[in-house]
Amino acid sequence: MIATKLDITNAAKIQKDGLTALKNALGITATIKFLEQFDQGGTGDYTAEKYMGDDLEPTDDEIRRMFGC
């Protein structure tokens, strides 16, 4: 049986340790190129997509509920 204690107390430490491991294994330039593969580069049009859909304007009843009327 293989038993290894993993210290996964928080996500920030895991991220830091992972980036350090990548940097040590690949070097700075290759680490950046590796990480860029997961960046979608800001594809899409957030502003246009944000307003797509039905009933974007609140109804009178919704406005009254927001203000406790």
Protein backbone atom coordinates (compact mmCIF):
# COMPACT_ATOMS: atom_id res chain seq x y z
CA MET A 1 0.00 0.00 0.00
CA ILE A 2 1.27 3.41 -0.95
CA ALA A 3 0.48 6.09 1.59
CA THR A 4 1.38 9.69 1.04
CA LYS A 5 0.26 12.53 3.23
CA LEU A 6 -1.01 15.40 1.14
CA ASP A 7 -1.17 18.85 2.64
CA ILE A 8 -4.17 20.32 0.85
CA THR A 9 -5.19 22.82 3.46
CA ASN A 10 -5.98 25.62 1.07
CA ALA A 11 -6.28 26.31 -2.63
CA ALA A 12 -3.74 29.16 -2.61
CA LYS A 13 -0.99 26.84 -1.36
CA ILE A 14 -1.85 24.21 -3.95
CA GLN A 15 -1.74 26.83 -6.71
CA LYS A 16 1.58 28.21 -5.48
CA ASP A 17 3.14 24.75 -5.17
CA GLY A 18 1.83 23.76 -8.60
CA LEU A 19 3.23 26.85 -10.27
CA THR A 20 6.56 26.30 -8.53
CA ALA A 21 6.65 22.69 -9.74
CA LEU A 22 5.87 23.78 -13.31
CA LYS A 23 8.54 26.48 -13.20
CA ASN A 24 11.12 24.02 -11.85
CA ALA A 25 10.26 21.38 -14.44
CA LEU A 26 9.73 23.57 -17.51
CA GLY A 27 11.38 26.90 -16.85
CA ILE A 28 9.67 30.28 -16.87
CA THR A 29 9.06 30.61 -20.61
CA ALA A 30 7.66 27.11 -21.08
CA THR A 31 5.50 27.48 -17.96
CA ILE A 32 3.94 30.63 -19.40
CA LYS A 33 3.37 28.93 -22.76
CA PHE A 34 1.81 25.95 -20.96
CA LEU A 35 -0.55 28.14 -18.96
CA GLU A 36 -1.54 30.16 -22.04
CA GLN A 37 -3.05 26.99 -23.50
CA PHE A 38 -5.84 27.24 -20.93
CA ASP A 39 -6.64 30.90 -21.56
CA GLN A 40 -9.52 31.42 -23.94
CA GLY A 41 -8.16 34.82 -24.84
CA GLY A 42 -11.34 36.66 -24.05
CA THR A 43 -13.41 35.00 -26.75
CA GLY A 44 -16.97 36.11 -27.24
CA ASP A 45 -18.69 39.42 -26.73
CA TYR A 46 -19.58 39.72 -23.05
CA THR A 47 -21.48 42.98 -23.50
CA ALA A 48 -23.75 41.58 -26.20
CA GLU A 49 -24.21 38.22 -24.45
CA LYS A 50 -24.99 39.92 -21.14
CA TYR A 51 -28.14 41.45 -22.55
CA MET A 52 -29.39 38.42 -24.45
CA GLY A 53 -32.53 36.78 -23.12
CA ASP A 54 -36.09 37.52 -22.24
CA ASP A 55 -37.54 39.85 -19.63
CA LEU A 56 -34.38 41.82 -18.95
CA GLU A 57 -36.31 44.81 -17.63
CA PRO A 58 -37.72 44.35 -14.13
CA THR A 59 -41.48 44.45 -13.84
CA ASP A 60 -43.28 47.06 -11.73
CA ASP A 61 -43.90 44.40 -9.08
CA GLU A 62 -40.21 43.46 -8.96
CA ILE A 63 -39.22 47.11 -8.56
CA ARG A 64 -41.75 47.57 -5.76
CA ARG A 65 -40.40 44.46 -3.97
CA MET A 66 -36.82 45.76 -4.29
CA PHE A 67 -37.81 48.95 -2.51
CA GLY A 68 -40.22 47.35 -0.06
CA CYS A 69 -43.32 49.06 -1.46
